[in-house]
């Protein structure tokens, strides 16, 4: 499952690379660094979340993560009620 998520995220970043190149005025080498850094960070977080899920239980970790994501969305979009 984590390999699927990682490859899907890398594909999304690859699709966004032309826009990133235009906005940051980056060369191809810079874009490769962006993709490598993004993939490394996502893979690290997947390994960390897998380890935490093994320790505390998948349901508990997932529900905490879902609440955290919801709270972040509320911070980004204040005044939007559910």
N, C-alpha and C. Protein backbone atom coordinates (compact mmCIF):
# COMPACT_ATOMS: atom_id res chain seq x y z
N UNK A 1 0.82 -1.19 0.00
CA UNK A 1 0.00 0.00 0.00
C UNK A 1 0.87 1.26 0.00
N UNK A 2 1.93 1.24 0.81
CA UNK A 2 2.76 2.44 0.89
C UNK A 2 3.51 2.69 -0.42
N UNK A 3 3.87 1.62 -1.12
CA UNK A 3 4.54 1.81 -2.41
C UNK A 3 3.58 2.44 -3.41
N UNK A 4 2.31 2.05 -3.36
CA UNK A 4 1.30 2.65 -4.23
C UNK A 4 1.15 4.14 -3.93
N UNK A 5 1.07 4.49 -2.65
CA UNK A 5 0.93 5.90 -2.27
C UNK A 5 2.15 6.69 -2.71
N UNK A 6 3.34 6.14 -2.49
CA UNK A 6 4.57 6.82 -2.87
C UNK A 6 4.66 7.03 -4.37
N UNK A 7 4.34 6.01 -5.15
CA UNK A 7 4.41 6.15 -6.61
C UNK A 7 3.33 7.10 -7.12
N UNK A 8 2.15 7.09 -6.50
CA UNK A 8 1.10 8.02 -6.90
C UNK A 8 1.51 9.46 -6.60
N UNK A 9 2.09 9.69 -5.42
CA UNK A 9 2.55 11.03 -5.08
C UNK A 9 3.66 11.50 -6.01
N UNK A 10 4.58 10.61 -6.35
CA UNK A 10 5.66 10.97 -7.27
C UNK A 10 5.10 11.31 -8.65
N UNK A 11 4.06 10.59 -9.07
CA UNK A 11 3.42 10.89 -10.36
C UNK A 11 2.76 12.26 -10.33
N UNK A 12 2.11 12.58 -9.22
CA UNK A 12 1.47 13.89 -9.09
C UNK A 12 2.51 15.01 -9.16
N UNK A 13 3.64 14.82 -8.49
CA UNK A 13 4.70 15.83 -8.54
C UNK A 13 5.28 15.93 -9.95
N UNK A 14 5.42 14.79 -10.64
CA UNK A 14 5.91 14.83 -12.02
C UNK A 14 4.98 15.62 -12.93
N UNK A 15 3.68 15.48 -12.71
CA UNK A 15 2.72 16.24 -13.51
C UNK A 15 2.83 17.73 -13.21
N UNK A 16 3.13 18.06 -11.95
CA UNK A 16 3.23 19.46 -11.55
C UNK A 16 4.58 20.09 -11.85
N UNK A 17 5.56 19.31 -12.32
CA UNK A 17 6.90 19.85 -12.55
C UNK A 17 6.96 21.02 -13.53
N UNK A 18 6.21 21.02 -14.64
CA UNK A 18 6.27 22.19 -15.51
C UNK A 18 5.83 23.48 -14.82
N UNK A 19 4.80 23.40 -14.00
CA UNK A 19 4.35 24.59 -13.27
C UNK A 19 5.38 25.00 -12.23
N UNK A 20 5.99 24.03 -11.57
CA UNK A 20 7.04 24.33 -10.59
C UNK A 20 8.23 24.99 -11.28
N UNK A 21 8.60 24.46 -12.45
CA UNK A 21 9.73 25.03 -13.21
C UNK A 21 9.44 26.47 -13.60
N UNK A 22 8.23 26.73 -14.03
CA UNK A 22 7.87 28.09 -14.45
C UNK A 22 7.86 29.05 -13.27
N UNK A 23 7.27 28.62 -12.14
CA UNK A 23 7.17 29.50 -10.97
C UNK A 23 8.52 29.77 -10.32
N UNK A 24 9.38 28.75 -10.25
CA UNK A 24 10.66 28.89 -9.56
C UNK A 24 11.81 29.22 -10.50
N UNK A 25 11.53 29.27 -11.80
CA UNK A 25 12.58 29.50 -12.80
C UNK A 25 13.73 28.52 -12.60
N UNK A 26 13.38 27.24 -12.46
CA UNK A 26 14.36 26.20 -12.17
C UNK A 26 14.80 25.49 -13.44
N UNK A 27 16.00 24.96 -13.39
CA UNK A 27 16.50 24.13 -14.49
C UNK A 27 16.16 22.68 -14.20
N UNK A 28 16.48 21.80 -15.14
CA UNK A 28 16.15 20.38 -15.01
C UNK A 28 16.81 19.76 -13.78
N UNK A 29 18.05 20.13 -13.50
CA UNK A 29 18.74 19.58 -12.32
C UNK A 29 18.01 19.99 -11.04
N UNK A 30 17.52 21.20 -11.00
CA UNK A 30 16.76 21.66 -9.83
C UNK A 30 15.46 20.90 -9.67
N UNK A 31 14.81 20.59 -10.78
CA UNK A 31 13.57 19.83 -10.73
C UNK A 31 13.82 18.40 -10.23
N UNK A 32 14.95 17.83 -10.62
CA UNK A 32 15.28 16.49 -10.14
C UNK A 32 15.49 16.50 -8.62
N UNK A 33 16.13 17.54 -8.11
CA UNK A 33 16.32 17.66 -6.67
C UNK A 33 14.99 17.82 -5.95
N UNK A 34 14.08 18.59 -6.54
CA UNK A 34 12.76 18.77 -5.94
C UNK A 34 12.04 17.43 -5.84
N UNK A 35 12.04 16.68 -6.93
CA UNK A 35 11.36 15.38 -6.93
C UNK A 35 12.02 14.42 -5.96
N UNK A 36 13.35 14.37 -5.93
CA UNK A 36 14.06 13.48 -5.00
C UNK A 36 13.78 13.84 -3.55
N UNK A 37 13.80 15.12 -3.24
CA UNK A 37 13.55 15.55 -1.86
C UNK A 37 12.12 15.22 -1.45
N UNK A 38 11.16 15.48 -2.34
CA UNK A 38 9.76 15.19 -2.03
C UNK A 38 9.56 13.69 -1.79
N UNK A 39 10.12 12.87 -2.66
CA UNK A 39 9.97 11.42 -2.53
C UNK A 39 10.60 10.92 -1.24
N UNK A 40 11.77 11.45 -0.89
CA UNK A 40 12.45 11.03 0.33
C UNK A 40 11.63 11.40 1.57
N UNK A 41 11.07 12.59 1.60
CA UNK A 41 10.28 13.02 2.75
C UNK A 41 9.01 12.18 2.87
N UNK A 42 8.31 11.95 1.77
CA UNK A 42 7.08 11.15 1.82
C UNK A 42 7.39 9.72 2.25
N UNK A 43 8.46 9.13 1.73
CA UNK A 43 8.83 7.77 2.13
C UNK A 43 9.17 7.71 3.61
N UNK A 44 9.85 8.72 4.11
CA UNK A 44 10.20 8.76 5.54
C UNK A 44 8.94 8.83 6.40
N UNK A 45 8.00 9.68 6.01
CA UNK A 45 6.75 9.78 6.77
C UNK A 45 5.93 8.50 6.70
N UNK A 46 5.97 7.80 5.56
CA UNK A 46 5.25 6.53 5.46
C UNK A 46 5.86 5.49 6.38
N UNK A 47 7.19 5.44 6.45
CA UNK A 47 7.84 4.49 7.35
C UNK A 47 7.55 4.83 8.80
N UNK A 48 7.57 6.11 9.13
CA UNK A 48 7.27 6.55 10.49
C UNK A 48 5.83 6.22 10.86
N UNK A 49 4.89 6.51 9.97
CA UNK A 49 3.49 6.22 10.30
C UNK A 49 3.24 4.72 10.38
N UNK A 50 3.93 3.92 9.59
CA UNK A 50 3.81 2.47 9.70
C UNK A 50 4.33 1.95 11.02
N UNK A 51 5.44 2.50 11.46
CA UNK A 51 6.02 2.11 12.75
C UNK A 51 5.10 2.51 13.91
N UNK A 52 4.57 3.71 13.85
CA UNK A 52 3.65 4.17 14.90
C UNK A 52 2.37 3.34 14.88
N UNK A 53 1.89 2.98 13.69
CA UNK A 53 0.68 2.15 13.59
C UNK A 53 0.92 0.77 14.18
N UNK A 54 2.10 0.20 13.96
CA UNK A 54 2.41 -1.10 14.55
C UNK A 54 2.44 -1.01 16.07
N UNK A 55 2.89 0.11 16.58
CA UNK A 55 3.02 0.26 18.02
C UNK A 55 1.69 0.55 18.71
N UNK A 56 0.89 1.43 18.14
CA UNK A 56 -0.33 1.90 18.81
C UNK A 56 -1.63 1.40 18.19
N UNK A 57 -1.57 0.78 17.04
CA UNK A 57 -2.77 0.29 16.39
C UNK A 57 -3.17 1.17 15.22
N UNK A 58 -3.57 0.54 14.15
CA UNK A 58 -3.87 1.27 12.91
C UNK A 58 -5.06 2.20 13.06
N UNK A 59 -6.13 1.71 13.67
CA UNK A 59 -7.34 2.54 13.80
C UNK A 59 -7.08 3.80 14.60
N UNK A 60 -6.38 3.64 15.69
CA UNK A 60 -6.11 4.79 16.56
C UNK A 60 -5.26 5.83 15.85
N UNK A 61 -4.22 5.38 15.14
CA UNK A 61 -3.34 6.30 14.43
C UNK A 61 -4.08 6.96 13.28
N UNK A 62 -4.88 6.18 12.55
CA UNK A 62 -5.61 6.75 11.42
C UNK A 62 -6.62 7.79 11.87
N UNK A 63 -7.34 7.51 12.95
CA UNK A 63 -8.34 8.48 13.41
C UNK A 63 -7.67 9.75 13.91
N UNK A 64 -6.52 9.63 14.58
CA UNK A 64 -5.79 10.82 15.01
C UNK A 64 -5.27 11.61 13.82
N UNK A 65 -4.81 10.90 12.80
CA UNK A 65 -4.30 11.58 11.61
C UNK A 65 -5.44 12.28 10.87
N UNK A 66 -6.59 11.64 10.79
CA UNK A 66 -7.74 12.26 10.11
C UNK A 66 -8.18 13.52 10.85
N UNK A 67 -8.19 13.47 12.18
CA UNK A 67 -8.56 14.66 12.95
C UNK A 67 -7.54 15.77 12.77
N UNK A 68 -6.27 15.40 12.70
CA UNK A 68 -5.21 16.39 12.50
C UNK A 68 -5.33 17.07 11.14
N UNK A 69 -5.62 16.29 10.12
CA UNK A 69 -5.78 16.85 8.77
C UNK A 69 -6.99 17.78 8.75
N UNK A 70 -8.07 17.37 9.39
CA UNK A 70 -9.27 18.21 9.44
C UNK A 70 -8.97 19.53 10.15
N UNK A 71 -8.20 19.47 11.24
CA UNK A 71 -7.86 20.69 11.97
C UNK A 71 -6.99 21.62 11.10
N UNK A 72 -6.09 21.05 10.33
CA UNK A 72 -5.25 21.88 9.45
C UNK A 72 -6.07 22.54 8.36
N UNK A 73 -7.05 21.82 7.84
CA UNK A 73 -7.91 22.40 6.81
C UNK A 73 -8.70 23.57 7.40
N UNK A 74 -9.16 23.40 8.64
CA UNK A 74 -9.88 24.49 9.30
C UNK A 74 -8.99 25.70 9.51
N UNK A 75 -7.70 25.48 9.77
CA UNK A 75 -6.78 26.59 9.94
C UNK A 75 -6.55 27.35 8.62
N UNK A 76 -6.52 26.59 7.54
CA UNK A 76 -6.27 27.20 6.23
C UNK A 76 -7.50 27.95 5.73
N UNK A 77 -8.67 27.43 6.03
CA UNK A 77 -9.92 28.03 5.56
C UNK A 77 -10.78 28.44 6.75
N UNK A 78 -10.41 29.50 7.45
CA UNK A 78 -11.24 29.91 8.59
C UNK A 78 -12.60 30.42 8.12
N UNK A 79 -13.59 30.19 8.94
CA UNK A 79 -14.93 30.68 8.62
C UNK A 79 -15.74 29.69 7.81
N UNK A 80 -15.16 28.60 7.37
CA UNK A 80 -15.88 27.58 6.63
C UNK A 80 -16.41 26.56 7.62
N UNK A 81 -17.70 26.52 7.83
CA UNK A 81 -18.29 25.57 8.76
C UNK A 81 -18.68 24.31 8.01
N UNK A 82 -18.61 23.18 8.72
CA UNK A 82 -18.97 21.89 8.12
C UNK A 82 -20.45 21.71 8.06
